[in-house]
């Protein structure tokens, strides 16, 4: 699908941010949301055929089946191999923190030395800094989300959630 108007610039910027990543195979962390859908699309659009695969981490939560189906629909739409990895987050004070730890661990294990691209964006980075400050993380909390911390790379940190959602809709991605 051709992108129109002001979204054409956004499309090109997203593709450039992915195209500048080191060569080699990539794994897309495919949540089923608009952000990871755009990331998967850009990886497929800019990387050699067969060099991209996706992994969806299923946390076993109430909304997990919906996200799993969306990730499958995105992967099918992009003709992208998809692996589903089920995790059980450890109980703790922060269910979201436990889910994040389980997800990152599962992705790192599945990567087997390959790079994992993650769809974090500018809004995620801002939320992380605010959360860190509220927790009292001090100066280290101001750094937010690292754009590149092996094996993870986050090429969408310069983009807003709302813009990525508009692009996903324009590209008719089934997030």
N, C-alpha and C. Protein backbone atom coordinates (compact mmCIF):
# COMPACT_ATOMS: atom_id res chain seq x y z
N UNK A 1 0.85 -1.19 0.00
CA UNK A 1 0.00 0.00 0.00
C UNK A 1 0.89 1.24 0.00
N UNK A 2 0.58 2.19 -0.84
CA UNK A 2 1.33 3.44 -0.90
C UNK A 2 0.88 4.36 0.23
N UNK A 3 1.84 4.98 0.86
CA UNK A 3 1.56 5.90 1.95
C UNK A 3 1.41 7.29 1.35
N UNK A 4 0.46 8.05 1.89
CA UNK A 4 0.15 9.35 1.30
C UNK A 4 0.57 10.50 2.20
N UNK A 5 0.61 11.68 1.62
CA UNK A 5 0.78 12.93 2.34
C UNK A 5 1.96 12.98 3.29
N UNK A 6 1.71 13.57 4.47
CA UNK A 6 2.74 13.76 5.47
C UNK A 6 3.29 12.47 6.04
N UNK A 7 2.55 11.39 5.88
CA UNK A 7 3.04 10.11 6.40
C UNK A 7 4.16 9.53 5.55
N UNK A 8 4.31 10.02 4.33
CA UNK A 8 5.39 9.53 3.46
C UNK A 8 6.75 9.84 4.09
N UNK A 9 6.90 11.04 4.66
CA UNK A 9 8.15 11.40 5.34
C UNK A 9 8.39 10.48 6.54
N UNK A 10 7.35 10.22 7.30
CA UNK A 10 7.46 9.34 8.45
C UNK A 10 7.86 7.93 8.01
N UNK A 11 7.23 7.45 6.96
CA UNK A 11 7.57 6.13 6.43
C UNK A 11 9.05 6.06 6.07
N UNK A 12 9.55 7.07 5.40
CA UNK A 12 10.96 7.09 4.99
C UNK A 12 11.89 7.18 6.20
N UNK A 13 11.53 7.98 7.19
CA UNK A 13 12.35 8.11 8.39
C UNK A 13 12.42 6.79 9.16
N UNK A 14 11.28 6.11 9.29
CA UNK A 14 11.26 4.82 9.98
C UNK A 14 12.13 3.81 9.23
N UNK A 15 11.99 3.77 7.92
CA UNK A 15 12.80 2.84 7.12
C UNK A 15 14.29 3.15 7.26
N UNK A 16 14.65 4.44 7.25
CA UNK A 16 16.05 4.82 7.42
C UNK A 16 16.59 4.37 8.78
N UNK A 17 15.79 4.53 9.82
CA UNK A 17 16.26 4.16 11.16
C UNK A 17 16.52 2.66 11.27
N UNK A 18 15.75 1.86 10.54
CA UNK A 18 15.96 0.41 10.54
C UNK A 18 17.08 0.03 9.58
N UNK A 19 17.14 0.69 8.44
CA UNK A 19 18.15 0.36 7.42
C UNK A 19 19.57 0.63 7.92
N UNK A 20 19.73 1.53 8.88
CA UNK A 20 21.06 1.86 9.38
C UNK A 20 21.58 0.88 10.43
N UNK A 21 20.75 -0.08 10.83
CA UNK A 21 21.21 -1.09 11.79
C UNK A 21 22.29 -1.95 11.15
N UNK A 22 23.13 -2.53 11.98
CA UNK A 22 24.18 -3.41 11.48
C UNK A 22 23.58 -4.50 10.60
N UNK A 23 24.31 -4.91 9.56
CA UNK A 23 23.80 -5.97 8.70
C UNK A 23 23.73 -7.29 9.48
N UNK A 24 22.97 -8.19 8.95
CA UNK A 24 22.83 -9.49 9.60
C UNK A 24 21.38 -9.76 9.94
N UNK A 25 21.11 -10.96 10.35
CA UNK A 25 19.73 -11.33 10.65
C UNK A 25 19.19 -10.57 11.85
N UNK A 26 17.89 -10.33 11.83
CA UNK A 26 17.22 -9.63 12.94
C UNK A 26 16.02 -10.44 13.42
N UNK A 27 15.75 -10.29 14.69
CA UNK A 27 14.53 -10.83 15.28
C UNK A 27 13.70 -9.63 15.71
N UNK A 28 12.44 -9.61 15.31
CA UNK A 28 11.53 -8.55 15.72
C UNK A 28 10.71 -9.05 16.90
N UNK A 29 10.73 -8.31 18.01
CA UNK A 29 9.85 -8.61 19.13
C UNK A 29 8.47 -8.09 18.74
N UNK A 30 7.57 -9.00 18.39
CA UNK A 30 6.27 -8.64 17.82
C UNK A 30 5.18 -8.81 18.87
N UNK A 31 4.78 -7.71 19.49
CA UNK A 31 3.78 -7.75 20.56
C UNK A 31 2.37 -7.94 20.03
N UNK A 32 2.13 -7.46 18.82
CA UNK A 32 0.78 -7.43 18.27
C UNK A 32 0.22 -6.02 18.20
N UNK A 33 0.95 -5.06 18.78
CA UNK A 33 0.52 -3.67 18.76
C UNK A 33 1.02 -2.93 17.53
N UNK A 34 0.59 -1.68 17.39
CA UNK A 34 0.93 -0.87 16.22
C UNK A 34 2.43 -0.61 16.12
N UNK A 35 3.09 -0.36 17.25
CA UNK A 35 4.51 -0.01 17.23
C UNK A 35 5.35 -1.16 16.68
N UNK A 36 5.14 -2.35 17.22
CA UNK A 36 5.94 -3.48 16.74
C UNK A 36 5.51 -3.90 15.33
N UNK A 37 4.26 -3.62 14.96
CA UNK A 37 3.82 -3.91 13.59
C UNK A 37 4.58 -3.04 12.59
N UNK A 38 4.71 -1.75 12.89
CA UNK A 38 5.46 -0.85 12.02
C UNK A 38 6.93 -1.26 11.98
N UNK A 39 7.46 -1.63 13.12
CA UNK A 39 8.86 -2.08 13.17
C UNK A 39 9.06 -3.32 12.30
N UNK A 40 8.17 -4.28 12.42
CA UNK A 40 8.28 -5.50 11.60
C UNK A 40 8.18 -5.15 10.12
N UNK A 41 7.24 -4.29 9.77
CA UNK A 41 7.08 -3.86 8.37
C UNK A 41 8.38 -3.22 7.85
N UNK A 42 8.98 -2.32 8.66
CA UNK A 42 10.20 -1.63 8.23
C UNK A 42 11.36 -2.61 8.08
N UNK A 43 11.43 -3.60 8.97
CA UNK A 43 12.50 -4.60 8.86
C UNK A 43 12.35 -5.40 7.58
N UNK A 44 11.14 -5.83 7.29
CA UNK A 44 10.88 -6.60 6.06
C UNK A 44 11.16 -5.73 4.83
N UNK A 45 10.81 -4.45 4.91
CA UNK A 45 10.97 -3.55 3.76
C UNK A 45 12.43 -3.20 3.48
N UNK A 46 13.29 -3.25 4.50
CA UNK A 46 14.65 -2.74 4.32
C UNK A 46 15.74 -3.80 4.41
N UNK A 47 15.39 -5.00 4.81
CA UNK A 47 16.40 -6.05 5.02
C UNK A 47 16.30 -7.10 3.92
N UNK A 48 17.38 -7.85 3.68
CA UNK A 48 17.33 -8.91 2.67
C UNK A 48 16.27 -9.96 3.02
N UNK A 49 15.66 -10.51 2.01
CA UNK A 49 14.63 -11.54 2.18
C UNK A 49 15.18 -12.69 3.02
N UNK A 50 14.40 -13.14 3.96
CA UNK A 50 14.78 -14.26 4.79
C UNK A 50 15.67 -13.92 5.97
N UNK A 51 16.01 -12.64 6.14
CA UNK A 51 16.91 -12.26 7.23
C UNK A 51 16.18 -11.76 8.47
N UNK A 52 14.85 -11.76 8.43
CA UNK A 52 14.05 -11.26 9.55
C UNK A 52 13.07 -12.33 9.97
N UNK A 53 12.98 -12.52 11.27
CA UNK A 53 11.94 -13.39 11.83
C UNK A 53 11.36 -12.69 13.05
N UNK A 54 10.21 -13.13 13.49
CA UNK A 54 9.54 -12.48 14.61
C UNK A 54 9.33 -13.47 15.75
N UNK A 55 9.32 -12.92 16.96
CA UNK A 55 8.99 -13.69 18.15
C UNK A 55 7.94 -12.92 18.92
N UNK A 56 6.88 -13.64 19.28
CA UNK A 56 5.85 -13.08 20.14
C UNK A 56 5.93 -13.77 21.49
N UNK A 57 5.99 -12.99 22.56
CA UNK A 57 6.04 -13.55 23.91
C UNK A 57 4.63 -13.48 24.50
N UNK A 58 4.09 -14.65 24.83
CA UNK A 58 2.76 -14.78 25.42
C UNK A 58 2.91 -14.91 26.92
N UNK A 59 2.39 -13.92 27.67
CA UNK A 59 2.51 -13.89 29.13
C UNK A 59 1.44 -14.70 29.84
N UNK A 60 0.48 -15.21 29.09
CA UNK A 60 -0.59 -16.00 29.71
C UNK A 60 -1.59 -15.15 30.48
N UNK A 61 -1.66 -13.88 30.19
CA UNK A 61 -2.60 -12.99 30.86
C UNK A 61 -3.93 -12.99 30.13
N UNK A 62 -4.90 -12.30 30.69
CA UNK A 62 -6.25 -12.25 30.13
C UNK A 62 -6.27 -11.77 28.69
N UNK A 63 -5.52 -10.72 28.37
CA UNK A 63 -5.51 -10.17 27.01
C UNK A 63 -4.52 -10.84 26.07
N UNK A 64 -3.77 -11.81 26.57
CA UNK A 64 -2.73 -12.44 25.75
C UNK A 64 -3.25 -13.10 24.48
N UNK A 65 -4.38 -13.81 24.50
CA UNK A 65 -4.85 -14.42 23.24
C UNK A 65 -5.11 -13.40 22.14
N UNK A 66 -5.62 -12.24 22.49
CA UNK A 66 -5.88 -11.19 21.49
C UNK A 66 -4.57 -10.69 20.89
N UNK A 67 -3.57 -10.44 21.73
CA UNK A 67 -2.27 -9.98 21.23
C UNK A 67 -1.59 -11.06 20.39
N UNK A 68 -1.73 -12.30 20.81
CA UNK A 68 -1.14 -13.42 20.07
C UNK A 68 -1.75 -13.51 18.66
N UNK A 69 -3.08 -13.37 18.59
CA UNK A 69 -3.75 -13.39 17.27
C UNK A 69 -3.31 -12.22 16.41
N UNK A 70 -3.18 -11.04 17.02
CA UNK A 70 -2.74 -9.86 16.27
C UNK A 70 -1.32 -10.06 15.75
N UNK A 71 -0.43 -10.59 16.58
CA UNK A 71 0.94 -10.85 16.15
C UNK A 71 0.95 -11.84 14.98
N UNK A 72 0.10 -12.86 15.06
CA UNK A 72 -0.01 -13.83 13.96
C UNK A 72 -0.51 -13.19 12.68
N UNK A 73 -1.49 -12.30 12.81
CA UNK A 73 -2.05 -11.62 11.63
C UNK A 73 -1.01 -10.70 11.00
N UNK A 74 -0.24 -10.00 11.82
CA UNK A 74 0.81 -9.12 11.30
C UNK A 74 1.86 -9.95 10.58
N UNK A 75 2.31 -11.02 11.22
CA UNK A 75 3.33 -11.88 10.61
C UNK A 75 2.83 -12.46 9.29
N UNK A 76 1.59 -12.92 9.26
CA UNK A 76 1.02 -13.45 8.01
C UNK A 76 0.98 -12.37 6.94
N UNK A 77 0.53 -11.18 7.32
CA UNK A 77 0.42 -10.05 6.39
C UNK A 77 1.78 -9.71 5.76
N UNK A 78 2.84 -9.83 6.56
CA UNK A 78 4.19 -9.47 6.10
C UNK A 78 4.98 -10.68 5.60
N UNK A 79 4.35 -11.86 5.62
CA UNK A 79 5.03 -13.10 5.23
C UNK A 79 6.30 -13.29 6.06
N UNK A 80 6.14 -13.14 7.35
CA UNK A 80 7.26 -13.15 8.29
C UNK A 80 7.16 -14.38 9.19
N UNK A 81 8.21 -15.20 9.26
CA UNK A 81 8.17 -16.35 10.18
C UNK A 81 7.96 -15.87 11.62
N UNK A 82 7.08 -16.55 12.33
CA UNK A 82 6.74 -16.15 13.70
C UNK A 82 6.88 -17.33 14.64
N UNK A 83 7.57 -17.09 15.75
CA UNK A 83 7.69 -18.07 16.83
C UNK A 83 6.96 -17.51 18.04
N UNK A 84 6.14 -18.35 18.66
CA UNK A 84 5.43 -17.96 19.88
C UNK A 84 6.18 -18.57 21.06
N UNK A 85 6.51 -17.75 22.04
CA UNK A 85 7.19 -18.22 23.24
C UNK A 85 6.30 -17.89 24.43
N UNK A 86 5.90 -18.91 25.17
CA UNK A 86 5.07 -18.72 26.37
C UNK A 86 5.97 -18.56 27.58
N UNK A 87 5.65 -17.58 28.43
CA UNK A 87 6.38 -17.36 29.66
C UNK A 87 5.40 -17.28 30.83
N UNK A 88 5.93 -17.52 32.01
CA UNK A 88 5.16 -17.34 33.24
C UNK A 88 5.93 -16.36 34.11
N UNK A 89 5.48 -15.11 34.13
CA UNK A 89 6.18 -14.12 34.96
C UNK A 89 6.14 -14.52 36.44
N UNK A 90 7.24 -14.31 37.14
CA UNK A 90 7.30 -14.60 38.57
C UNK A 90 6.41 -13.63 39.32
N UNK A 91 5.70 -14.12 40.32
CA UNK A 91 4.90 -13.20 41.13
C UNK A 91 5.81 -12.22 41.86
N UNK A 92 5.32 -11.02 42.05
CA UNK A 92 6.12 -10.02 42.75
C UNK A 92 5.35 -8.74 42.95
N UNK A 93 6.06 -7.74 43.43
CA UNK A 93 5.43 -6.45 43.72
C UNK A 93 4.91 -5.77 42.46
N UNK A 94 5.60 -5.97 41.34
CA UNK A 94 5.20 -5.32 40.10
C UNK A 94 4.96 -6.37 39.02
N UNK A 95 3.69 -6.69 38.74
CA UNK A 95 3.41 -7.67 37.68
C UNK A 95 4.00 -7.25 36.33
N UNK A 96 3.96 -5.95 36.04
CA UNK A 96 4.50 -5.47 34.76
C UNK A 96 6.02 -5.62 34.73
N UNK A 97 6.68 -5.37 35.85
CA UNK A 97 8.13 -5.56 35.92
C UNK A 97 8.50 -7.02 35.77
N UNK A 98 7.72 -7.90 36.38
CA UNK A 98 7.98 -9.34 36.26
C UNK A 98 7.76 -9.80 34.82
N UNK A 99 6.72 -9.27 34.18
CA UNK A 99 6.45 -9.63 32.79
C UNK A 99 7.57 -9.14 31.88
N UNK A 100 8.06 -7.92 32.13
CA UNK A 100 9.16 -7.38 31.33
C UNK A 100 10.41 -8.24 31.48
N UNK A 101 10.73 -8.63 32.71
CA UNK A 101 11.92 -9.47 32.95
C UNK A 101 11.78 -10.82 32.24
N UNK A 102 10.59 -11.43 32.33
CA UNK A 102 10.37 -12.72 31.67
C UNK A 102 10.44 -12.58 30.16
N UNK A 103 9.88 -11.50 29.63
CA UNK A 103 9.88 -11.25 28.18
C UNK A 103 11.29 -11.06 27.65
N UNK A 104 12.05 -10.19 28.31
CA UNK A 104 13.42 -9.92 27.85
C UNK A 104 14.29 -11.18 27.94
N UNK A 105 14.11 -11.94 28.99
CA UNK A 105 14.87 -13.19 29.14
C UNK A 105 14.51 -14.17 28.03
N UNK A 106 13.23 -14.32 27.73
CA UNK A 106 12.79 -15.23 26.66
C UNK A 106 13.31 -14.78 25.30
N UNK A 107 13.26 -13.48 25.03
CA UNK A 107 13.76 -12.96 23.76
C UNK A 107 15.26 -13.16 23.63
N UNK A 108 15.98 -12.90 24.72
CA UNK A 108 17.43 -13.06 24.69
C UNK A 108 17.80 -14.53 24.46
N UNK A 109 17.09 -15.43 25.11
CA UNK A 109 17.37 -16.86 24.93
C UNK A 109 17.06 -17.30 23.50
N UNK A 110 15.95 -16.84 22.95
CA UNK A 110 15.56 -17.22 21.59
C UNK A 110 16.48 -16.61 20.54
N UNK A 111 17.11 -15.49 20.86
CA UNK A 111 17.94 -14.78 19.89
C UNK A 111 19.20 -15.55 19.53
N UNK A 112 19.75 -16.29 20.47
CA UNK A 112 20.96 -17.08 20.22
C UNK A 112 22.04 -16.24 19.53
N UNK A 113 22.30 -15.06 20.08
CA UNK A 113 23.36 -14.21 19.54
C UNK A 113 22.93 -13.23 18.46
N UNK A 114 21.71 -13.36 17.97
CA UNK A 114 21.23 -12.41 16.95
C UNK A 114 20.70 -11.15 17.63
N UNK A 115 20.58 -10.09 16.85
CA UNK A 115 20.03 -8.83 17.35
C UNK A 115 18.51 -8.92 17.42
N UNK A 116 17.94 -8.34 18.48
CA UNK A 116 16.50 -8.31 18.68
C UNK A 116 16.07 -6.85 18.59
N UNK A 117 15.22 -6.52 17.61
CA UNK A 117 14.70 -5.16 17.50
C UNK A 117 13.39 -5.08 18.26
N UNK A 118 13.27 -4.00 19.04
CA UNK A 118 12.12 -3.82 19.92
C UNK A 118 11.46 -2.50 19.56
N UNK A 119 10.14 -2.45 19.59
CA UNK A 119 9.38 -1.29 19.13
C UNK A 119 9.19 -0.17 20.13
N UNK A 120 10.07 -0.03 21.10
CA UNK A 120 9.94 1.10 22.03
C UNK A 120 10.09 2.42 21.27
N UNK A 121 9.30 3.40 21.68
CA UNK A 121 9.28 4.70 21.00
C UNK A 121 9.48 5.82 22.00
N UNK A 122 9.39 7.05 21.54
CA UNK A 122 9.68 8.22 22.38
C UNK A 122 8.76 8.30 23.60
N UNK A 123 7.51 7.92 23.45
CA UNK A 123 6.59 7.96 24.60
C UNK A 123 7.00 6.94 25.66
N UNK A 124 7.45 5.75 25.23
CA UNK A 124 7.95 4.75 26.17
C UNK A 124 9.15 5.29 26.93
N UNK A 125 10.05 5.96 26.21
CA UNK A 125 11.25 6.52 26.85
C UNK A 125 10.87 7.55 27.90
N UNK A 126 9.92 8.43 27.58
CA UNK A 126 9.48 9.46 28.53
C UNK A 126 8.82 8.82 29.74
N UNK A 127 7.97 7.83 29.51
CA UNK A 127 7.31 7.13 30.62
C UNK A 127 8.34 6.45 31.52
N UNK A 128 9.38 5.89 30.93
CA UNK A 128 10.42 5.23 31.71
C UNK A 128 11.16 6.22 32.59
N UNK A 129 11.51 7.38 32.05
CA UNK A 129 12.21 8.40 32.84
C UNK A 129 11.34 8.86 34.00
N UNK A 130 10.08 9.14 33.73
CA UNK A 130 9.17 9.60 34.78
C UNK A 130 9.02 8.52 35.86
N UNK A 131 8.81 7.28 35.43
CA UNK A 131 8.70 6.18 36.39
C UNK A 131 9.96 6.03 37.23
N UNK A 132 11.11 6.15 36.59
CA UNK A 132 12.38 6.04 37.31
C UNK A 132 12.51 7.16 38.35
N UNK A 133 12.14 8.37 37.96
CA UNK A 133 12.23 9.50 38.88
C UNK A 133 11.28 9.31 40.06
N UNK A 134 10.07 8.83 39.79
CA UNK A 134 9.11 8.60 40.87
C UNK A 134 9.58 7.51 41.83
N UNK A 135 10.33 6.55 41.30
CA UNK A 135 10.88 5.48 42.14
C UNK A 135 12.12 5.94 42.89
N UNK A 136 12.64 7.12 42.54
CA UNK A 136 13.84 7.62 43.19
C UNK A 136 15.12 7.07 42.61
N UNK A 137 15.13 6.78 41.32
CA UNK A 137 16.30 6.18 40.69
C UNK A 137 17.47 7.15 40.53
N UNK A 138 17.26 8.42 40.76
CA UNK A 138 18.35 9.39 40.68
C UNK A 138 18.82 9.64 39.26
N UNK A 139 20.10 10.02 39.12
CA UNK A 139 20.64 10.39 37.82
C UNK A 139 20.61 9.25 36.81
N UNK A 140 20.82 8.02 37.27
CA UNK A 140 20.80 6.90 36.32
C UNK A 140 19.41 6.72 35.73
N UNK A 141 18.38 7.10 36.47
CA UNK A 141 17.02 7.00 35.97
C UNK A 141 16.71 7.98 34.87
N UNK A 142 17.51 9.06 34.76
CA UNK A 142 17.29 10.05 33.72
C UNK A 142 17.70 9.55 32.33
N UNK A 143 18.49 8.49 32.29
CA UNK A 143 18.96 7.99 30.99
C UNK A 143 17.84 7.31 30.20
N UNK A 144 16.81 6.84 30.87
CA UNK A 144 15.68 6.24 30.17
C UNK A 144 16.03 4.90 29.54
N UNK A 145 15.53 4.66 28.33
CA UNK A 145 15.72 3.40 27.63
C UNK A 145 16.93 3.51 26.71
N UNK A 146 17.82 2.55 26.82
CA UNK A 146 19.00 2.53 25.94
C UNK A 146 18.59 2.15 24.53
N UNK A 147 19.13 2.87 23.55
CA UNK A 147 18.79 2.56 22.15
C UNK A 147 19.47 1.28 21.67
N UNK A 148 20.59 0.94 22.30
CA UNK A 148 21.32 -0.26 21.88
C UNK A 148 22.03 -0.86 23.08
N UNK A 149 21.48 -1.94 23.56
CA UNK A 149 22.10 -2.70 24.65
C UNK A 149 21.93 -4.16 24.29
N UNK A 150 23.02 -4.72 23.76
CA UNK A 150 23.00 -6.07 23.20
C UNK A 150 22.28 -7.05 24.12
N UNK A 151 21.42 -7.89 23.53
CA UNK A 151 21.18 -8.05 22.09
C UNK A 151 20.07 -7.13 21.56
N UNK A 152 19.56 -6.23 22.41
CA UNK A 152 18.39 -5.43 22.05
C UNK A 152 18.78 -4.11 21.39
N UNK A 153 18.02 -3.74 20.36
CA UNK A 153 18.19 -2.46 19.70
C UNK A 153 16.81 -1.86 19.48
N UNK A 154 16.71 -0.56 19.68
CA UNK A 154 15.41 0.13 19.64
C UNK A 154 15.46 1.29 18.63
N UNK A 155 15.22 0.99 17.35
CA UNK A 155 15.36 2.04 16.33
C UNK A 155 14.21 3.04 16.27
N UNK A 156 13.13 2.84 17.04
CA UNK A 156 11.98 3.74 16.96
C UNK A 156 11.93 4.76 18.09
N UNK A 157 12.98 4.89 18.89
CA UNK A 157 12.95 5.81 20.02
C UNK A 157 12.75 7.27 19.62
N UNK A 158 13.02 7.61 18.39
CA UNK A 158 12.83 8.99 17.92
C UNK A 158 11.43 9.29 17.41
N UNK A 159 10.51 8.34 17.54
CA UNK A 159 9.17 8.50 16.98
C UNK A 159 8.10 8.44 18.08
N UNK A 160 7.03 9.21 17.89
CA UNK A 160 5.92 9.23 18.85
C UNK A 160 4.95 8.09 18.58
N UNK A 161 4.34 7.60 19.64
CA UNK A 161 3.36 6.52 19.56
C UNK A 161 2.23 6.86 18.58
N UNK A 162 1.71 8.08 18.66
CA UNK A 162 0.59 8.47 17.81
C UNK A 162 0.96 8.44 16.33
N UNK A 163 2.18 8.87 16.00
CA UNK A 163 2.63 8.86 14.60
C UNK A 163 2.79 7.42 14.10
N UNK A 164 3.35 6.56 14.93
CA UNK A 164 3.52 5.16 14.53
C UNK A 164 2.17 4.49 14.32
N UNK A 165 1.19 4.81 15.16
CA UNK A 165 -0.15 4.24 15.00
C UNK A 165 -0.78 4.70 13.68
N UNK A 166 -0.64 5.99 13.36
CA UNK A 166 -1.16 6.49 12.09
C UNK A 166 -0.51 5.77 10.90
N UNK A 167 0.80 5.56 10.99
CA UNK A 167 1.50 4.88 9.92
C UNK A 167 1.02 3.43 9.81
N UNK A 168 0.84 2.76 10.94
CA UNK A 168 0.35 1.38 10.93
C UNK A 168 -1.03 1.30 10.27
N UNK A 169 -1.88 2.26 10.57
CA UNK A 169 -3.21 2.30 9.95
C UNK A 169 -3.11 2.55 8.46
N UNK A 170 -2.27 3.49 8.06
CA UNK A 170 -2.09 3.81 6.64
C UNK A 170 -1.54 2.62 5.87
N UNK A 171 -0.65 1.85 6.51
CA UNK A 171 -0.06 0.67 5.87
C UNK A 171 -1.02 -0.54 5.92
N UNK A 172 -2.16 -0.35 6.58
CA UNK A 172 -3.17 -1.41 6.74
C UNK A 172 -2.60 -2.65 7.42
N UNK A 173 -1.77 -2.40 8.44
CA UNK A 173 -1.23 -3.50 9.23
C UNK A 173 -2.29 -3.95 10.23
N UNK A 174 -2.51 -5.25 10.36
CA UNK A 174 -3.61 -5.75 11.22
C UNK A 174 -3.23 -5.86 12.69
N UNK A 175 -2.82 -4.75 13.30
CA UNK A 175 -2.42 -4.77 14.71
C UNK A 175 -3.63 -4.85 15.61
